[in-house]
Amino acid sequence: MATTVSTIEDRKRLARRLAGSGRGFAEQYGFRVTNNPSSLFQLLCLAVLLARRGDFRRALDSAHALPDAGWDSAARLSRSLPADRARVLRDSGQRGDVDALAELLGELARGVVGRYGGDLRRLRSAARRDPTRERALLTALPGVDNQVTDLFLRDVQSLWREVAPVADQRALTAARRLGLGRSAEDLAGLAGGGESERLAWLVGALARVDLERRYAEWVA
């Protein structure tokens, strides 16, 4: 059930409350959002795992398990053995075809290493900071589709400001239910226009509301 937000000031007030933690989705769950190769690759792996069906907590646990196993960069993950990746993923709670997921993550790591030397900042440079081109280069990587790209850029827009506004499907679902709008542009207006960092905080909070089914605490 959605709340009724009657005025623009009410919507802005609710948006400020949601973004009040000053952290985006990934940071809320213990992932650093910094513009360095290791952090960016871990965020991309998190996006790939979150895009899979199933409990999102398993995706978070698996995304943490990869660097905990010593694979905190594309280069290190690319050198890991498929059987080792599969074991770590199973131990972190992954279900279904874990061997295929392990192979996919290996292919992704090798793709990032082969095309960008393990550094996604080079992808940004190759795209000349053009958002359309950045999306095209991301979706050309193994295992990365439009959904994964949205999940990755949801947090990275605080760093790569040219890609904003970005809102993933769960964030938009929560925004509609809470009366905050229907598009990333609507949310950007509530977050302060060009403030991509604040937008990332708001979008991340909305995604958490939907994933954790926390609507009741935000209903007026």
C-alpha atoms as a PDB file:
ATOM      1  CA  MET A   1       0.000   0.000   0.000  1.00  0.00           C
ATOM      2  CA  ALA A   2       1.398   3.367  -0.982  1.00  0.00           C
ATOM      3  CA  THR A   3       1.469   6.473   1.142  1.00  0.00           C
ATOM      4  CA  THR A   4      -0.074   9.699  -0.116  1.00  0.00           C
ATOM      5  CA  VAL A   5       2.486  12.487  -0.448  1.00  0.00           C
ATOM      6  CA  SER A   6       0.419  15.564  -1.166  1.00  0.00           C
ATOM      7  CA  THR A   7       2.931  18.311  -1.915  1.00  0.00           C
ATOM      8  CA  ILE A   8       6.384  18.709  -3.399  1.00  0.00           C
ATOM      9  CA  GLU A   9       7.643  19.768   0.033  1.00  0.00           C
ATOM     10  CA  ASP A  10       6.304  16.529   1.512  1.00  0.00           C
ATOM     11  CA  ARG A  11       8.122  14.567  -1.185  1.00  0.00           C
ATOM     12  CA  LYS A  12      11.372  16.444  -0.607  1.00  0.00           C
ATOM     13  CA  ARG A  13      11.059  15.917   3.144  1.00  0.00           C
ATOM     14  CA  LEU A  14      10.600  12.165   2.684  1.00  0.00           C
ATOM     15  CA  ALA A  15      13.499  12.058   0.207  1.00  0.00           C
ATOM     16  CA  ARG A  16      15.750  13.791   2.745  1.00  0.00           C
ATOM     17  CA  ARG A  17      14.770  11.254   5.395  1.00  0.00           C
ATOM     18  CA  LEU A  18      15.484   8.339   3.093  1.00  0.00           C
ATOM     19  CA  ALA A  19      18.867   9.708   2.037  1.00  0.00           C
ATOM     20  CA  GLY A  20      19.735  10.818   5.540  1.00  0.00           C
ATOM     21  CA  SER A  21      22.254   8.051   6.238  1.00  0.00           C
ATOM     22  CA  GLY A  22      24.646   9.574   3.719  1.00  0.00           C
ATOM     23  CA  ARG A  23      25.434   6.182   2.229  1.00  0.00           C
ATOM     24  CA  GLY A  24      24.357   4.440  -0.954  1.00  0.00           C
ATOM     25  CA  PHE A  25      23.126   0.880  -1.355  1.00  0.00           C
ATOM     26  CA  ALA A  26      26.514  -0.824  -1.453  1.00  0.00           C
ATOM     27  CA  GLU A  27      27.943   1.166   1.451  1.00  0.00           C
ATOM     28  CA  GLN A  28      24.948   0.277   3.594  1.00  0.00           C
ATOM     29  CA  TYR A  29      25.984  -3.357   3.230  1.00  0.00           C
ATOM     30  CA  GLY A  30      29.696  -2.891   3.811  1.00  0.00           C
ATOM     31  CA  PHE A  31      31.096  -2.265   0.325  1.00  0.00           C
ATOM     32  CA  ARG A  32      33.348   0.713  -0.286  1.00  0.00           C
ATOM     33  CA  VAL A  33      32.362   3.000  -3.141  1.00  0.00           C
ATOM     34  CA  THR A  34      35.618   4.557  -4.262  1.00  0.00           C
ATOM     35  CA  ASN A  35      37.034   5.262  -7.693  1.00  0.00           C
ATOM     36  CA  ASN A  36      39.790   2.665  -7.645  1.00  0.00           C
ATOM     37  CA  PRO A  37      40.108  -0.577  -9.636  1.00  0.00           C
ATOM     38  CA  SER A  38      39.463  -2.954  -6.745  1.00  0.00           C
ATOM     39  CA  SER A  39      36.369  -1.176  -5.441  1.00  0.00           C
ATOM     40  CA  LEU A  40      34.835  -0.721  -8.882  1.00  0.00           C
ATOM     41  CA  PHE A  41      35.322  -4.379  -9.786  1.00  0.00           C
ATOM     42  CA  GLN A  42      33.834  -5.539  -6.490  1.00  0.00           C
ATOM     43  CA  LEU A  43      30.802  -3.333  -7.152  1.00  0.00           C
ATOM     44  CA  LEU A  44      30.432  -4.906 -10.598  1.00  0.00           C
ATOM     45  CA  CYS A  45      30.573  -8.409  -9.112  1.00  0.00           C
ATOM     46  CA  LEU A  46      27.974  -7.349  -6.532  1.00  0.00           C
ATOM     47  CA  ALA A  47      25.718  -6.141  -9.345  1.00  0.00           C
ATOM     48  CA  VAL A  48      26.068  -9.448 -11.211  1.00  0.00           C
ATOM     49  CA  LEU A  49      25.164 -11.396  -8.073  1.00  0.00           C
ATOM     50  CA  LEU A  50      22.238  -9.132  -7.147  1.00  0.00           C
ATOM     51  CA  ALA A  51      20.741  -9.546 -10.616  1.00  0.00           C
ATOM     52  CA  ARG A  52      20.276 -13.281 -10.018  1.00  0.00           C
ATOM     53  CA  ARG A  53      17.036 -14.639  -8.666  1.00  0.00           C
ATOM     54  CA  GLY A  54      16.903 -15.563  -4.998  1.00  0.00           C
ATOM     55  CA  ASP A  55      17.452 -14.004  -1.596  1.00  0.00           C
ATOM     56  CA  PHE A  56      19.474 -10.820  -2.014  1.00  0.00           C
ATOM     57  CA  ARG A  57      21.307 -11.615   1.223  1.00  0.00           C
ATOM     58  CA  ARG A  58      22.967 -14.551  -0.504  1.00  0.00           C
ATOM     59  CA  ALA A  59      24.183 -12.191  -3.188  1.00  0.00           C
ATOM     60  CA  LEU A  60      25.626  -9.873  -0.539  1.00  0.00           C
ATOM     61  CA  ASP A  61      27.301 -12.759   1.283  1.00  0.00           C
ATOM     62  CA  SER A  62      28.820 -14.056  -1.943  1.00  0.00           C
ATOM     63  CA  ALA A  63      30.022 -10.608  -2.975  1.00  0.00           C
ATOM     64  CA  HIS A  64      31.797 -10.304   0.383  1.00  0.00           C
ATOM     65  CA  ALA A  65      33.154 -13.845   0.152  1.00  0.00           C
ATOM     66  CA  LEU A  66      35.070 -13.186  -3.082  1.00  0.00           C
ATOM     67  CA  PRO A  67      37.464 -10.542  -1.661  1.00  0.00           C
ATOM     68  CA  ASP A  68      37.590 -12.445   1.628  1.00  0.00           C
ATOM     69  CA  ALA A  69      39.012 -15.363  -0.384  1.00  0.00           C
ATOM     70  CA  GLY A  70      41.722 -13.048  -1.718  1.00  0.00           C
ATOM     71  CA  TRP A  71      40.015 -12.170  -5.009  1.00  0.00           C
ATOM     72  CA  ASP A  72      39.586  -8.471  -4.394  1.00  0.00           C
ATOM     73  CA  SER A  73      40.440  -7.397  -7.940  1.00  0.00           C
ATOM     74  CA  ALA A  74      39.762  -8.484 -11.492  1.00  0.00           C
ATOM     75  CA  ALA A  75      43.361  -9.632 -11.867  1.00  0.00           C
ATOM     76  CA  ARG A  76      43.249 -11.854  -8.775  1.00  0.00           C
ATOM     77  CA  LEU A  77      39.843 -13.311  -9.591  1.00  0.00           C
ATOM     78  CA  SER A  78      40.941 -14.014 -13.159  1.00  0.00           C
ATOM     79  CA  ARG A  79      43.758 -16.210 -11.836  1.00  0.00           C
ATOM     80  CA  SER A  80      41.514 -18.243  -9.519  1.00  0.00           C
ATOM     81  CA  LEU A  81      40.439 -21.780 -10.326  1.00  0.00           C
ATOM     82  CA  PRO A  82      36.783 -22.455 -11.279  1.00  0.00           C
ATOM     83  CA  ALA A  83      36.489 -25.167  -8.627  1.00  0.00           C
ATOM     84  CA  ASP A  84      37.739 -22.781  -5.945  1.00  0.00           C
ATOM     85  CA  ARG A  85      35.311 -20.072  -7.025  1.00  0.00           C
ATOM     86  CA  ALA A  86      32.435 -22.580  -6.969  1.00  0.00           C
ATOM     87  CA  ARG A  87      33.393 -23.759  -3.480  1.00  0.00           C
ATOM     88  CA  VAL A  88      33.472 -20.213  -2.122  1.00  0.00           C
ATOM     89  CA  LEU A  89      30.135 -19.400  -3.742  1.00  0.00           C
ATOM     90  CA  ARG A  90      28.481 -22.538  -2.320  1.00  0.00           C
ATOM     91  CA  ASP A  91      29.914 -21.861   1.121  1.00  0.00           C
ATOM     92  CA  SER A  92      28.444 -18.334   0.967  1.00  0.00           C
ATOM     93  CA  GLY A  93      24.967 -19.714   0.281  1.00  0.00           C
ATOM     94  CA  GLN A  94      24.637 -19.709  -3.502  1.00  0.00           C
ATOM     95  CA  ARG A  95      22.159 -22.191  -4.964  1.00  0.00           C
ATOM     96  CA  GLY A  96      21.318 -23.383  -8.467  1.00  0.00           C
ATOM     97  CA  ASP A  97      24.002 -23.802 -11.105  1.00  0.00           C
ATOM     98  CA  VAL A  98      26.902 -22.561  -9.020  1.00  0.00           C
ATOM     99  CA  ASP A  99      29.495 -23.954 -11.433  1.00  0.00           C
ATOM    100  CA  ALA A 100      28.065 -21.799 -14.225  1.00  0.00           C
ATOM    101  CA  LEU A 101      28.104 -18.741 -11.958  1.00  0.00           C
ATOM    102  CA  ALA A 102      31.711 -19.449 -10.998  1.00  0.00           C
ATOM    103  CA  GLU A 103      32.658 -19.683 -14.666  1.00  0.00           C
ATOM    104  CA  LEU A 104      30.770 -16.489 -15.476  1.00  0.00           C
ATOM    105  CA  LEU A 105      32.584 -14.522 -12.780  1.00  0.00           C
ATOM    106  CA  GLY A 106      35.872 -15.848 -14.104  1.00  0.00           C
ATOM    107  CA  GLU A 107      34.953 -14.760 -17.617  1.00  0.00           C
ATOM    108  CA  LEU A 108      33.961 -11.339 -16.337  1.00  0.00           C
ATOM    109  CA  ALA A 109      37.274 -10.923 -14.519  1.00  0.00           C
ATOM    110  CA  ARG A 110      39.236 -12.015 -17.582  1.00  0.00           C
ATOM    111  CA  GLY A 111      37.200  -9.639 -19.737  1.00  0.00           C
ATOM    112  CA  VAL A 112      37.963  -6.674 -17.485  1.00  0.00           C
ATOM    113  CA  VAL A 113      41.643  -7.609 -17.389  1.00  0.00           C
ATOM    114  CA  GLY A 114      41.894  -8.249 -21.110  1.00  0.00           C
ATOM    115  CA  ARG A 115      40.074  -5.132 -22.250  1.00  0.00           C
ATOM    116  CA  TYR A 116      40.907  -2.637 -19.505  1.00  0.00           C
ATOM    117  CA  GLY A 117      43.931  -3.988 -17.668  1.00  0.00           C
ATOM    118  CA  GLY A 118      41.698  -4.807 -14.701  1.00  0.00           C
ATOM    119  CA  ASP A 119      40.718  -1.159 -14.244  1.00  0.00           C
ATOM    120  CA  LEU A 120      37.166  -0.058 -15.052  1.00  0.00           C
ATOM    121  CA  ARG A 121      38.287   3.534 -14.985  1.00  0.00           C
ATOM    122  CA  ARG A 122      39.851   2.774 -18.350  1.00  0.00           C
ATOM    123  CA  LEU A 123      36.412   1.788 -19.611  1.00  0.00           C
ATOM    124  CA  ARG A 124      35.234   5.224 -18.582  1.00  0.00           C
ATOM    125  CA  SER A 125      38.155   6.817 -20.388  1.00  0.00           C
ATOM    126  CA  ALA A 126      37.556   4.690 -23.492  1.00  0.00           C
ATOM    127  CA  ALA A 127      33.964   5.924 -23.512  1.00  0.00           C
ATOM    128  CA  ARG A 128      35.205   9.535 -23.120  1.00  0.00           C
ATOM    129  CA  ARG A 129      32.794   9.851 -20.211  1.00  0.00           C
ATOM    130  CA  ASP A 130      29.826   9.553 -22.529  1.00  0.00           C
ATOM    131  CA  PRO A 131      27.036   7.793 -20.568  1.00  0.00           C
ATOM    132  CA  THR A 132      25.595   5.986 -23.577  1.00  0.00           C
ATOM    133  CA  ARG A 133      28.992   4.666 -24.553  1.00  0.00           C
ATOM    134  CA  GLU A 134      29.812   3.700 -20.963  1.00  0.00           C
ATOM    135  CA  ARG A 135      26.651   1.626 -20.832  1.00  0.00           C
ATOM    136  CA  ALA A 136      27.466   0.015 -24.166  1.00  0.00           C
ATOM    137  CA  LEU A 137      30.967  -0.954 -23.019  1.00  0.00           C
ATOM    138  CA  LEU A 138      29.667  -2.307 -19.724  1.00  0.00           C
ATOM    139  CA  THR A 139      27.032  -4.485 -21.379  1.00  0.00           C
ATOM    140  CA  ALA A 140      29.702  -5.831 -23.734  1.00  0.00           C
ATOM    141  CA  LEU A 141      31.409  -7.475 -20.755  1.00  0.00           C
ATOM    142  CA  PRO A 142      30.613 -11.138 -19.942  1.00  0.00           C
ATOM    143  CA  GLY A 143      27.564 -11.500 -17.720  1.00  0.00           C
ATOM    144  CA  VAL A 144      26.669  -7.791 -17.801  1.00  0.00           C
ATOM    145  CA  ASP A 145      23.253  -6.846 -19.166  1.00  0.00           C
ATOM    146  CA  ASN A 146      21.128  -3.725 -18.728  1.00  0.00           C
ATOM    147  CA  GLN A 147      19.928  -4.819 -15.297  1.00  0.00           C
ATOM    148  CA  VAL A 148      23.454  -5.421 -14.051  1.00  0.00           C
ATOM    149  CA  THR A 149      24.533  -2.087 -15.513  1.00  0.00           C
ATOM    150  CA  ASP A 150      21.757  -0.258 -13.637  1.00  0.00           C
ATOM    151  CA  LEU A 151      22.727  -1.970 -10.383  1.00  0.00           C
ATOM    152  CA  PHE A 152      26.390  -1.064 -10.884  1.00  0.00           C
ATOM    153  CA  LEU A 153      25.736   2.547 -11.870  1.00  0.00           C
ATOM    154  CA  ARG A 154      23.212   2.994  -9.053  1.00  0.00           C
ATOM    155  CA  ASP A 155      26.177   3.419  -6.703  1.00  0.00           C
ATOM    156  CA  VAL A 156      28.873   4.460  -9.147  1.00  0.00           C
ATOM    157  CA  GLN A 157      26.894   7.545 -10.239  1.00  0.00           C
ATOM    158  CA  SER A 158      28.210   9.193  -7.076  1.00  0.00           C
ATOM    159  CA  LEU A 159      31.689   8.902  -8.645  1.00  0.00           C
ATOM    160  CA  TRP A 160      30.962   8.951 -12.385  1.00  0.00           C
ATOM    161  CA  ARG A 161      28.607  11.880 -12.282  1.00  0.00           C
ATOM    162  CA  GLU A 162      28.020  11.950 -16.013  1.00  0.00           C
ATOM    163  CA  VAL A 163      25.896   8.756 -15.830  1.00  0.00           C
ATOM    164  CA  ALA A 164      23.327  10.258 -13.439  1.00  0.00           C
ATOM    165  CA  PRO A 165      20.437  10.006 -13.013  1.00  0.00           C
ATOM    166  CA  VAL A 166      20.296   6.230 -12.531  1.00  0.00           C
ATOM    167  CA  ALA A 167      17.659   4.289 -10.630  1.00  0.00           C
ATOM    168  CA  ASP A 168      17.249   0.522 -10.736  1.00  0.00           C
ATOM    169  CA  GLN A 169      13.883  -1.196 -10.971  1.00  0.00           C
ATOM    170  CA  ARG A 170      13.535  -1.872  -7.247  1.00  0.00           C
ATOM    171  CA  ALA A 171      14.249   1.740  -6.382  1.00  0.00           C
ATOM    172  CA  LEU A 172      11.632   2.875  -8.894  1.00  0.00           C
ATOM    173  CA  THR A 173       9.112   0.406  -7.476  1.00  0.00           C
ATOM    174  CA  ALA A 174       9.641   1.856  -4.005  1.00  0.00           C
ATOM    175  CA  ALA A 175       9.480   5.412  -5.350  1.00  0.00           C
ATOM    176  CA  ARG A 176       6.090   4.739  -6.945  1.00  0.00           C
ATOM    177  CA  ARG A 177       4.712   3.077  -3.821  1.00  0.00           C
ATOM    178  CA  LEU A 178       5.891   5.930  -1.616  1.00  0.00           C
ATOM    179  CA  GLY A 179       4.608   8.623  -3.964  1.00  0.00           C
ATOM    180  CA  LEU A 180       8.030  10.002  -4.898  1.00  0.00           C
ATOM    181  CA  GLY A 181       7.744   9.665  -8.652  1.00  0.00           C
ATOM    182  CA  ARG A 182       8.148   7.193 -11.477  1.00  0.00           C
ATOM    183  CA  SER A 183      11.531   7.915 -13.026  1.00  0.00           C
ATOM    184  CA  ALA A 184      15.167   8.520 -12.192  1.00  0.00           C
ATOM    185  CA  GLU A 185      14.623  12.111 -13.300  1.00  0.00           C
ATOM    186  CA  ASP A 186      11.825  12.517 -10.737  1.00  0.00           C
ATOM    187  CA  LEU A 187      14.164  11.294  -8.000  1.00  0.00           C
ATOM    188  CA  ALA A 188      16.984  13.522  -9.203  1.00  0.00           C
ATOM    189  CA  GLY A 189      14.705  16.530  -8.803  1.00  0.00           C
ATOM    190  CA  LEU A 190      13.967  15.554  -5.207  1.00  0.00           C
ATOM    191  CA  ALA A 191      17.642  14.891  -4.494  1.00  0.00           C
ATOM    192  CA  GLY A 192      18.727  18.316  -5.664  1.00  0.00           C
ATOM    193  CA  GLY A 193      19.186  18.253  -9.401  1.00  0.00           C
ATOM    194  CA  GLY A 194      22.877  17.792 -10.107  1.00  0.00           C
ATOM    195  CA  GLU A 195      23.726  16.246  -6.750  1.00  0.00           C
ATOM    196  CA  SER A 196      24.575  12.759  -8.003  1.00  0.00           C
ATOM    197  CA  GLU A 197      25.943  11.652  -4.632  1.00  0.00           C
ATOM    198  CA  ARG A 198      22.722  12.544  -2.829  1.00  0.00           C
ATOM    199  CA  LEU A 199      20.771  10.862  -5.626  1.00  0.00           C
ATOM    200  CA  ALA A 200      22.816   7.683  -5.125  1.00  0.00           C
ATOM    201  CA  TRP A 201      21.957   7.772  -1.421  1.00  0.00           C
ATOM    202  CA  LEU A 202      18.252   8.203  -2.155  1.00  0.00           C
ATOM    203  CA  VAL A 203      18.119   5.516  -4.833  1.00  0.00           C
ATOM    204  CA  GLY A 204      20.057   3.110  -2.644  1.00  0.00           C
ATOM    205  CA  ALA A 205      17.710   3.701   0.272  1.00  0.00           C
ATOM    206  CA  LEU A 206      14.678   3.089  -1.923  1.00  0.00           C
ATOM    207  CA  ALA A 207      16.143  -0.157  -3.241  1.00  0.00           C
ATOM    208  CA  ARG A 208      16.696  -1.305   0.350  1.00  0.00           C
ATOM    209  CA  VAL A 209      13.111  -0.444   1.269  1.00  0.00           C
ATOM    210  CA  ASP A 210      11.835  -2.697  -1.497  1.00  0.00           C
ATOM    211  CA  LEU A 211      14.291  -5.543  -0.920  1.00  0.00           C
ATOM    212  CA  GLU A 212      13.743  -5.576   2.835  1.00  0.00           C
ATOM    213  CA  ARG A 213       9.991  -4.887   2.584  1.00  0.00           C
ATOM    214  CA  ARG A 214      10.334  -1.909   4.932  1.00  0.00           C
ATOM    215  CA  TYR A 215       7.498   0.169   3.526  1.00  0.00           C
ATOM    216  CA  ALA A 216       5.565   0.472   6.789  1.00  0.00           C
ATOM    217  CA  GLU A 217       8.199   2.607   8.512  1.00  0.00           C
ATOM    218  CA  TRP A 218       8.053   5.183   5.716  1.00  0.00           C
ATOM    219  CA  VAL A 219       4.284   5.445   5.361  1.00  0.00           C
ATOM    220  CA  ALA A 220       2.998   8.731   6.716  1.00  0.00           C
END
